[in-house]
Every structure is written in structure tokens, then in C-alpha cells.
Amino acid sequence: MTFGYECEYFLRDDKGEIVYNVPITLPHDGAGSLVEVRSQAFECPYMVEASFTVAHVELAVAVSKLGLRLWNINEYHYPKEKPHSFRGLKETAGFHIHFGGPDAPPIPETVAKLDKIFGIAPGRDSFYYSYRPKTWGWEYRRLPATVDVANVTQVLIKEFVK
């Protein structure tokens, strides 16, 4: 089984204003409003964490070259008075854990286990939004963007590495 990490961030410009449309040259979510840091996939969670750290630094450098800054918050309420497609909406940024390969753990049991470990109350999101199938496996999607990455690594080692 392989693991991977992905974290979403909002962007701010040099005046501290939120950037509504992520520049196409940066890795971003499907909506184009959040940048994403993605690790490489490894069987060893320590390697995943190291890869994630390197990717995070690389993204921070790329963002700063554009005169922007990463903003690590869990949610943002877009102002109603701003003229953009997100006007008045709330958007959340999350941290996703990837489980890959034919021996990836079963989804319902793993979601329940991770929810319990990380203290995520049932019903916070519907089960459907707690994970997403991918071609290489699936991702657990309930953690906030501000999660302690080293703690996630320790949980994966304790619970999933044999």
C-alpha cells in the first residue's frame, strides 16, 4: 500500500486580499480557487512527509515569485460585496490522505477509524464527502488544512504500516 498527502491553501496578494482565481501555472483544485501541495506516493509515511515538505517549500517559492502568499486557514467566507463567482459562499481548505494500490484499506472502516482517531464527530460531513475514489486508490478528505502533518504520519505508521 502507498500513502500520499495533499493540502489545500488559499492565496493572498501583497495587500492581504484573497486571490479568487489561482494562476493556471500553480497546482490547484478543480474549482481553481485553492492551490494544492501534493506529496509523492510512498509505502513509508516518513518518505511521504519528507516529499510533502519539499513540495510545500517549492510551492511557497513559486507563489512568492508571483507576489502572492500561501494562507493556511480551514475556511473562508467570501464577502458578499466583492464581484466574483464565490460571492457570499464559504469555502473550506482541507488535508487529504491518499491510500493507493490493490492493498489499500477498505473505505468505510478506514474512514470510521480515522474519524475516531482525529476526533471528527459523526455527521460533520456526509459519508460521501469524507472520501473520494481515485484511479490509484482513494483519499480521506475530512482533515482541516491546519492539521499537524507529523501527527498524521505517526497515525499512519501506528495504524497501517505492518
Foldseek 3Di string as FASTA:
>chain_A
DKKKKKWKWWKAALVRHTDQAAPPVADDDPVRGIGMQIFDIDPALVNRVVRSVVSVVVRQVVQVVVRMGTHADFKDQADQPDPDPRRRHMDGIWMKMDAFDPPGDDQPVVLVVVCVVVVPDPPPDDSVQQKAADPGGIIGTDGGNPDDSVVVSVCCCVPPND
